[in-house]
């Protein structure tokens, strides 16, 4: 399904007096965003909603991001812009949480530093939230390239077209997320249960789960932002070892240590799943209805994975049409595999390191025998 990048038009039913408009705080997380942040700021400042503030938390940028932001504070008088700089790099999840601390609005909109908002994004979402009594509202988005040119595609149809947003059950957020934070507007009341954000769990995922749990998550089919897609294809060619010299062989073995990075990322991914499921489980256990059967099962599953125990007996559940799988599109084998335990992963890392050290020792001994003997005869 193709989509147009043209703007949307809406007849709003918002108050006519400025004092009656709820304040909307735009929480922006910035980090080395000098390429696109000015364009995003312009699109926020030009919103047709008349009562907004922009709160920016910068995650210790090393480029010209701060200078650009300060220039907008100096030359802009129509919108309040406040900048807060982190003393250390927090990462994007905690950076958003830091920005929220300084937001005073009744509603909070989350903004990335590299997108472009439609002029009526906030107006449409505020109206939709008031109309539906929602705690959070997200929208579709037009996809654009680095230059902001339309890619003739939209976010929802490209990723989640098999289900209508109105049919989503909160259980679907146990394993997957379909809410893009860059389109999200929330009622600050939601923060009472959503803060603090869970380590390793994207803030939009965590917020969407809580809004959906209360059956107060709404979706706008209008494409309210231009969602910029970065060009990630410009990568260096892979180095290929083409000879059998000892130095080349050694370099090849050292290069293979990159697998440890992937293994560490794999372990972190398992831990993030564990953190998310555990946090959801802990939250639901405290509610009057308790945790759902599905969440109890998933909590047992991730606990087994962390411990390295077999999880193949969960196969029947993952072959079902449970509401948990409404938007889940990853390979179910990731969960059914019995080789995902952290203990097994750590053993693989240790074996790789020991093997590499052994190769280094043999090579150094060989070089010592050759060159040490040669220098001894001089």
Protein backbone atom coordinates (compact mmCIF):
# COMPACT_ATOMS: atom_id res chain seq x y z
CA UNK A 1 0.00 0.00 0.00
CA UNK A 2 1.52 3.29 -1.10
CA UNK A 3 1.15 6.52 0.78
CA UNK A 4 1.54 10.17 -0.10
CA UNK A 5 3.92 12.53 1.66
CA UNK A 6 1.48 15.40 1.29
CA UNK A 7 0.19 17.08 4.45
CA UNK A 8 -3.04 16.10 6.16
CA UNK A 9 -6.04 18.36 6.73
CA UNK A 10 -8.29 18.14 9.77
CA UNK A 11 -11.18 20.13 11.18
CA UNK A 12 -10.28 20.56 14.85
CA UNK A 13 -12.68 20.93 17.74
CA UNK A 14 -10.26 22.44 20.22
CA UNK A 15 -10.86 25.44 22.53
CA UNK A 16 -10.86 28.87 20.97
CA UNK A 17 -9.04 30.58 23.86
CA UNK A 18 -5.32 30.09 24.46
CA UNK A 19 -5.81 29.66 28.19
CA UNK A 20 -8.07 26.66 27.55
CA UNK A 21 -5.45 24.76 25.56
CA UNK A 22 -3.63 22.15 27.69
CA UNK A 23 0.12 22.69 27.72
CA UNK A 24 2.00 20.16 25.58
CA UNK A 25 5.63 19.53 26.44
CA UNK A 26 7.75 18.21 23.59
CA UNK A 27 10.47 15.99 25.08
CA UNK A 28 13.37 15.73 22.63
CA UNK A 29 16.42 13.52 23.15
CA UNK A 30 19.45 14.76 21.22
CA UNK A 31 22.87 13.30 20.57
CA UNK A 32 25.23 14.41 17.79
CA UNK A 33 22.27 15.53 15.73
CA UNK A 34 23.72 18.50 13.89
CA UNK A 35 22.66 17.15 10.46
CA UNK A 36 18.90 17.15 11.00
CA UNK A 37 17.99 18.72 14.34
CA UNK A 38 17.37 22.23 12.99
CA UNK A 39 14.77 20.95 10.52
CA UNK A 40 13.00 19.03 13.27
CA UNK A 41 13.01 22.05 15.59
CA UNK A 42 11.52 24.20 12.84
CA UNK A 43 8.69 21.70 12.32
CA UNK A 44 7.89 21.72 16.05
CA UNK A 45 8.01 25.50 16.37
CA UNK A 46 5.64 25.81 13.40
CA UNK A 47 2.94 23.60 14.97
CA UNK A 48 -0.54 25.10 14.72
CA UNK A 49 -1.19 24.13 18.34
CA UNK A 50 -0.63 27.36 20.29
CA UNK A 51 0.52 26.16 23.72
CA UNK A 52 3.72 24.13 23.66
CA UNK A 53 7.14 24.06 25.25
CA UNK A 54 10.21 22.23 23.95
CA UNK A 55 12.39 20.41 26.49
CA UNK A 56 15.66 19.05 25.12
CA UNK A 57 17.98 16.66 26.93
CA UNK A 58 21.33 16.40 25.18
CA UNK A 59 23.32 13.24 25.79
CA UNK A 60 26.77 14.83 25.77
CA UNK A 61 26.99 15.61 22.06
CA UNK A 62 30.47 16.17 20.62
CA UNK A 63 29.38 17.92 17.40
CA UNK A 64 27.60 21.27 16.88
CA UNK A 65 24.26 20.12 18.28
CA UNK A 66 24.39 22.33 21.39
CA UNK A 67 25.39 25.42 19.39
CA UNK A 68 22.47 24.89 17.03
CA UNK A 69 20.06 24.42 19.92
CA UNK A 70 21.29 27.57 21.69
CA UNK A 71 20.88 29.59 18.51
CA UNK A 72 17.21 28.62 18.40
CA UNK A 73 16.76 29.67 22.02
CA UNK A 74 18.21 33.09 21.21
CA UNK A 75 16.37 33.78 17.96
CA UNK A 76 12.99 32.23 18.82
CA UNK A 77 10.42 34.06 20.94
CA UNK A 78 7.20 32.23 20.09
CA UNK A 79 7.96 28.94 21.83
CA UNK A 80 9.75 28.22 25.11
CA UNK A 81 12.85 26.08 24.50
CA UNK A 82 14.91 24.70 27.38
CA UNK A 83 18.13 22.73 27.01
CA UNK A 84 19.55 20.35 29.61
CA UNK A 85 22.96 18.77 29.05
CA UNK A 86 23.91 15.43 30.58
CA UNK A 87 27.23 15.20 32.38
CA UNK A 88 27.66 11.67 31.07
CA UNK A 89 26.16 9.65 28.25
CA UNK A 90 22.93 8.04 29.44
CA UNK A 91 21.73 6.28 26.31
CA UNK A 92 18.51 7.19 24.53
CA UNK A 93 16.08 5.55 26.98
CA UNK A 94 17.40 7.31 30.06
CA UNK A 95 17.94 10.47 28.02
CA UNK A 96 14.20 10.63 27.33
CA UNK A 97 13.50 9.94 30.99
CA UNK A 98 15.81 12.83 31.87
CA UNK A 99 13.92 15.16 29.51
CA UNK A 100 10.58 14.16 31.04
CA UNK A 101 11.74 15.35 34.47
CA UNK A 102 11.68 18.93 33.20
CA UNK A 103 8.36 18.72 31.34
CA UNK A 104 5.50 20.64 32.93
CA UNK A 105 2.80 20.01 30.32
CA UNK A 106 -0.49 18.16 30.74
CA UNK A 107 0.55 16.18 27.67
CA UNK A 108 4.02 15.06 26.63
CA UNK A 109 5.06 14.41 23.03
CA UNK A 110 8.23 12.46 22.32
CA UNK A 111 10.49 13.75 19.58
CA UNK A 112 13.52 12.27 17.89
CA UNK A 113 16.07 14.72 16.56
CA UNK A 114 15.93 13.75 12.90
CA UNK A 115 12.27 13.59 11.81
CA UNK A 116 9.89 16.23 10.47
CA UNK A 117 6.48 16.86 12.03
CA UNK A 118 3.33 17.82 10.15
CA UNK A 119 2.12 21.30 11.23
CA UNK A 120 -1.03 19.83 12.79
CA UNK A 121 0.49 16.78 14.51
CA UNK A 122 -0.06 17.95 18.07
CA UNK A 123 -3.50 19.46 17.39
CA UNK A 124 -4.81 16.25 15.86
CA UNK A 125 -3.45 14.06 18.64
CA UNK A 126 -4.70 16.27 21.48
CA UNK A 127 -8.14 16.30 19.91
CA UNK A 128 -8.05 12.52 19.45
CA UNK A 129 -7.02 11.92 23.05
CA UNK A 130 -9.76 14.18 24.38
CA UNK A 131 -12.33 12.52 22.13
CA UNK A 132 -11.39 8.95 23.09
CA UNK A 133 -10.30 9.58 26.70
CA UNK A 134 -6.96 7.98 25.84
CA UNK A 135 -3.77 8.06 27.87
CA UNK A 136 -1.55 7.71 24.81
CA UNK A 137 -1.93 8.35 21.11
CA UNK A 138 0.39 7.25 18.33
CA UNK A 139 0.10 7.61 14.59
CA UNK A 140 1.18 6.38 11.20
CA UNK A 141 4.12 8.07 9.49
CA UNK A 142 5.38 8.74 5.99
CA UNK A 143 8.81 7.31 5.31
CA UNK A 144 11.37 9.70 3.83
CA UNK A 145 15.03 9.38 2.94
CA UNK A 146 17.96 11.31 4.41
CA UNK A 147 17.15 14.32 2.25
CA UNK A 148 13.54 14.29 3.41
CA UNK A 149 12.27 13.01 0.07
CA UNK A 150 9.17 10.80 0.07
CA UNK A 151 9.76 7.05 -0.22
CA UNK A 152 6.11 6.35 -1.15
CA UNK A 153 5.63 4.11 1.87
CA UNK A 154 4.17 4.42 5.32
CA UNK A 155 5.21 2.93 8.62
CA UNK A 156 2.13 0.95 9.62
CA UNK A 157 1.45 -0.78 6.30
CA UNK A 158 5.09 -1.69 5.99
CA UNK A 159 5.36 -3.42 9.38
CA UNK A 160 1.99 -4.22 10.93
CA UNK A 161 -0.60 -4.27 8.14
CA UNK A 162 -1.95 -7.69 9.13
CA UNK A 163 -3.84 -6.27 12.13
CA UNK A 164 -5.97 -3.20 12.80
CA UNK A 165 -4.61 -1.01 15.63
CA UNK A 166 -8.07 -0.93 17.23
CA UNK A 167 -7.92 -4.72 17.66
CA UNK A 168 -4.67 -4.77 19.63
CA UNK A 169 -4.70 -6.47 23.01
CA UNK A 170 -2.26 -5.44 25.72
CA UNK A 171 -0.91 -9.01 25.72
CA UNK A 172 0.59 -8.38 22.28
CA UNK A 173 3.08 -5.99 23.91
CA UNK A 174 4.65 -8.80 25.92
CA UNK A 175 6.74 -9.87 22.92
CA UNK A 176 6.58 -7.02 20.40
CA UNK A 177 5.97 -3.31 20.00
CA UNK A 178 4.20 -1.43 17.22
CA UNK A 179 4.22 2.05 18.76
CA UNK A 180 6.92 4.35 17.43
CA UNK A 181 7.98 6.84 20.07
CA UNK A 182 8.56 9.54 17.48
CA UNK A 183 4.78 9.64 16.89
CA UNK A 184 3.72 9.31 20.53
CA UNK A 185 1.73 11.78 22.65
CA UNK A 186 0.79 10.84 26.21
CA UNK A 187 -1.17 12.16 29.17
CA UNK A 188 1.30 12.82 31.97
CA UNK A 189 -0.96 10.76 34.28
CA UNK A 190 0.47 7.69 32.53
CA UNK A 191 3.89 8.47 33.98
CA UNK A 192 2.64 7.47 37.44
CA UNK A 193 2.93 3.82 36.38
CA UNK A 194 5.42 4.10 33.51
CA UNK A 195 8.30 5.71 35.41
CA UNK A 196 11.03 4.83 35.91
CA UNK A 197 11.69 3.26 32.51
CA UNK A 198 13.00 -0.30 32.60
CA UNK A 199 16.65 -0.82 31.70
CA UNK A 200 17.02 -2.21 28.19
CA UNK A 201 13.33 -1.70 27.33
CA UNK A 202 12.56 1.05 24.79
CA UNK A 203 10.54 3.81 26.44
CA UNK A 204 7.83 3.77 23.76
CA UNK A 205 7.32 0.02 24.22
CA UNK A 206 7.01 0.37 28.00
CA UNK A 207 4.60 3.32 27.74
CA UNK A 208 2.47 1.63 25.07
CA UNK A 209 2.12 -1.48 27.21
CA UNK A 210 0.83 0.51 30.17
CA UNK A 211 -1.63 2.52 28.07
CA UNK A 212 -2.90 -0.64 26.37
CA UNK A 213 -3.20 -2.41 29.73
CA UNK A 214 -5.71 0.25 30.74
CA UNK A 215 -7.38 0.01 27.32
CA UNK A 216 -6.59 3.67 26.70
CA UNK A 217 -4.22 3.54 23.73
CA UNK A 218 -5.47 5.17 20.52
CA UNK A 219 -4.10 5.30 16.99
CA UNK A 220 -4.37 7.95 14.27
CA UNK A 221 -4.24 6.63 10.73
CA UNK A 222 -3.04 10.04 9.59
CA UNK A 223 0.62 10.25 8.76
CA UNK A 224 1.57 12.94 11.24
CA UNK A 225 5.33 12.87 10.81
CA UNK A 226 7.93 12.31 8.14
CA UNK A 227 9.96 9.45 9.56
CA UNK A 228 13.50 9.83 8.26
CA UNK A 229 15.30 6.67 7.19
CA UNK A 230 19.07 6.92 7.49
CA UNK A 231 21.34 5.46 4.83
CA UNK A 232 23.06 2.55 6.55
CA UNK A 233 24.49 1.02 3.40
CA UNK A 234 27.77 2.98 3.35
CA UNK A 235 29.93 0.45 5.15
CA UNK A 236 33.49 -0.63 4.52
CA UNK A 237 34.20 -3.75 2.52
CA UNK A 238 35.01 -6.82 4.53
CA UNK A 239 38.68 -7.65 4.72
CA UNK A 240 39.43 -11.05 3.23
CA UNK A 241 42.58 -12.94 4.14
CA UNK A 242 43.98 -14.27 0.88
CA UNK A 243 47.35 -15.70 1.86
CA UNK A 244 48.69 -18.25 4.31
CA UNK A 245 51.47 -16.29 6.02
CA UNK A 246 51.75 -16.56 9.80
CA UNK A 247 50.97 -12.85 10.25
CA UNK A 248 47.87 -13.11 8.07
CA UNK A 249 46.77 -16.22 9.90
CA UNK A 250 47.17 -14.44 13.22
CA UNK A 251 45.20 -11.43 12.01
CA UNK A 252 42.45 -13.73 10.80
CA UNK A 253 42.19 -15.32 14.23
CA UNK A 254 42.14 -11.91 15.94
CA UNK A 255 39.46 -10.70 13.53
CA UNK A 256 37.36 -13.70 14.47
CA UNK A 257 37.19 -12.33 18.00
CA UNK A 258 34.48 -10.02 16.66
CA UNK A 259 32.16 -12.95 17.25
CA UNK A 260 32.47 -12.21 20.95
CA UNK A 261 30.84 -8.85 20.33
CA UNK A 262 27.90 -10.60 18.70
CA UNK A 263 27.69 -13.07 21.54
CA UNK A 264 27.70 -10.25 24.08
CA UNK A 265 24.92 -8.53 22.12
CA UNK A 266 23.01 -11.82 22.11
CA UNK A 267 23.38 -12.12 25.88
CA UNK A 268 22.26 -8.52 26.32
CA UNK A 269 19.23 -9.23 24.15
CA UNK A 270 18.25 -12.14 26.40
CA UNK A 271 18.72 -9.96 29.48
CA UNK A 272 16.56 -7.21 27.96
CA UNK A 273 13.77 -9.74 27.32
CA UNK A 274 14.12 -10.95 30.89
CA UNK A 275 14.00 -7.38 32.25
CA UNK A 276 10.91 -6.55 30.19
CA UNK A 277 8.94 -9.68 31.02
CA UNK A 278 9.97 -9.52 34.69
CA UNK A 279 8.94 -5.87 34.97
CA UNK A 280 5.57 -6.56 33.33
CA UNK A 281 5.09 -9.61 35.54
CA UNK A 282 5.90 -7.64 38.68
CA UNK A 283 3.49 -4.86 37.65
CA UNK A 284 0.58 -7.16 36.84
CA UNK A 285 1.07 -9.22 40.01
CA UNK A 286 0.33 -6.06 41.99
CA UNK A 287 -2.95 -5.41 40.17
CA UNK A 288 -6.30 -6.72 41.37
CA UNK A 289 -6.54 -9.29 38.56
CA UNK A 290 -2.95 -10.48 38.87
CA UNK A 291 -0.69 -11.57 36.02
CA UNK A 292 -2.26 -13.21 32.98
CA UNK A 293 -1.66 -16.88 32.25
CA UNK A 294 0.34 -15.89 29.18
CA UNK A 295 2.64 -13.65 31.19
CA UNK A 296 3.15 -16.31 33.84
CA UNK A 297 4.17 -18.72 31.07
CA UNK A 298 6.51 -16.22 29.45
CA UNK A 299 8.06 -15.39 32.79
CA UNK A 300 8.82 -19.07 33.26
CA UNK A 301 10.20 -19.27 29.73
CA UNK A 302 12.70 -16.43 30.07
CA UNK A 303 13.76 -17.71 33.48
CA UNK A 304 14.50 -21.10 31.91
CA UNK A 305 16.43 -19.42 29.07
CA UNK A 306 18.54 -17.39 31.48
CA UNK A 307 19.36 -20.57 33.40
CA UNK A 308 20.19 -22.49 30.23
CA UNK A 309 17.40 -25.00 30.73
CA UNK A 310 15.56 -26.59 27.81
CA UNK A 311 12.56 -24.62 26.59
CA UNK A 312 11.35 -26.91 23.81
CA UNK A 313 8.25 -27.81 25.84
CA UNK A 314 6.93 -24.29 25.20
CA UNK A 315 6.53 -25.20 21.53
CA UNK A 316 2.77 -25.80 21.72
CA UNK A 317 2.22 -22.30 23.05
CA UNK A 318 4.31 -20.73 20.28
CA UNK A 319 2.41 -22.63 17.61
CA UNK A 320 -0.92 -21.28 18.89
CA UNK A 321 -2.90 -18.21 17.78
CA UNK A 322 -2.77 -16.55 21.18
CA UNK A 323 -3.25 -12.78 21.41
CA UNK A 324 0.40 -12.57 22.46
CA UNK A 325 1.37 -13.10 18.80
CA UNK A 326 -0.77 -10.35 17.22
CA UNK A 327 2.23 -8.27 16.16
CA UNK A 328 5.06 -10.67 16.95
CA UNK A 329 6.88 -11.42 13.70
CA UNK A 330 10.25 -12.78 14.87
CA UNK A 331 11.25 -16.39 14.44
CA UNK A 332 9.60 -18.52 17.12
CA UNK A 333 12.67 -20.71 17.00
CA UNK A 334 14.43 -17.98 18.99
CA UNK A 335 12.33 -19.01 21.94
CA UNK A 336 12.20 -22.75 21.28
CA UNK A 337 15.97 -23.19 20.98
CA UNK A 338 17.65 -24.94 23.90
CA UNK A 339 21.04 -23.39 23.13
CA UNK A 340 20.28 -19.83 24.25
CA UNK A 341 21.30 -20.11 27.92
CA UNK A 342 23.74 -17.48 29.14
CA UNK A 343 26.00 -20.15 30.64
CA UNK A 344 26.39 -21.75 27.20
CA UNK A 345 27.08 -18.39 25.59
CA UNK A 346 29.73 -17.54 28.17
CA UNK A 347 31.40 -20.91 27.62
CA UNK A 348 31.56 -20.19 23.88
CA UNK A 349 33.24 -16.85 24.57
CA UNK A 350 35.77 -18.42 26.92
CA UNK A 351 36.60 -21.20 24.44
CA UNK A 352 37.10 -18.64 21.66
CA UNK A 353 39.43 -16.52 23.82
CA UNK A 354 41.42 -19.56 25.04
CA UNK A 355 41.83 -20.86 21.50
CA UNK A 356 43.06 -17.48 20.28
CA UNK A 357 45.53 -17.22 23.18
CA UNK A 358 46.77 -20.70 22.34
CA UNK A 359 47.34 -19.72 18.71
CA UNK A 360 49.21 -16.59 19.85
CA UNK A 361 51.40 -18.63 22.19
CA UNK A 362 52.27 -21.18 19.49
CA UNK A 363 53.03 -18.44 16.97
CA UNK A 364 55.19 -16.45 19.40
CA UNK A 365 57.09 -19.62 20.34
CA UNK A 366 57.65 -20.36 16.67
CA UNK A 367 58.89 -16.80 16.01
CA UNK A 368 61.16 -16.96 19.04
CA UNK A 369 62.66 -20.23 17.85
CA UNK A 370 63.43 -18.73 14.42
CA UNK A 371 64.50 -15.19 15.26
CA UNK A 372 65.91 -15.98 18.69
CA UNK A 373 68.16 -18.61 17.18
CA UNK A 374 69.21 -16.25 14.38
CA UNK A 375 70.13 -13.41 16.79
CA UNK A 376 72.03 -15.89 19.01
CA UNK A 377 74.36 -16.79 16.10
CA UNK A 378 75.27 -13.18 15.29
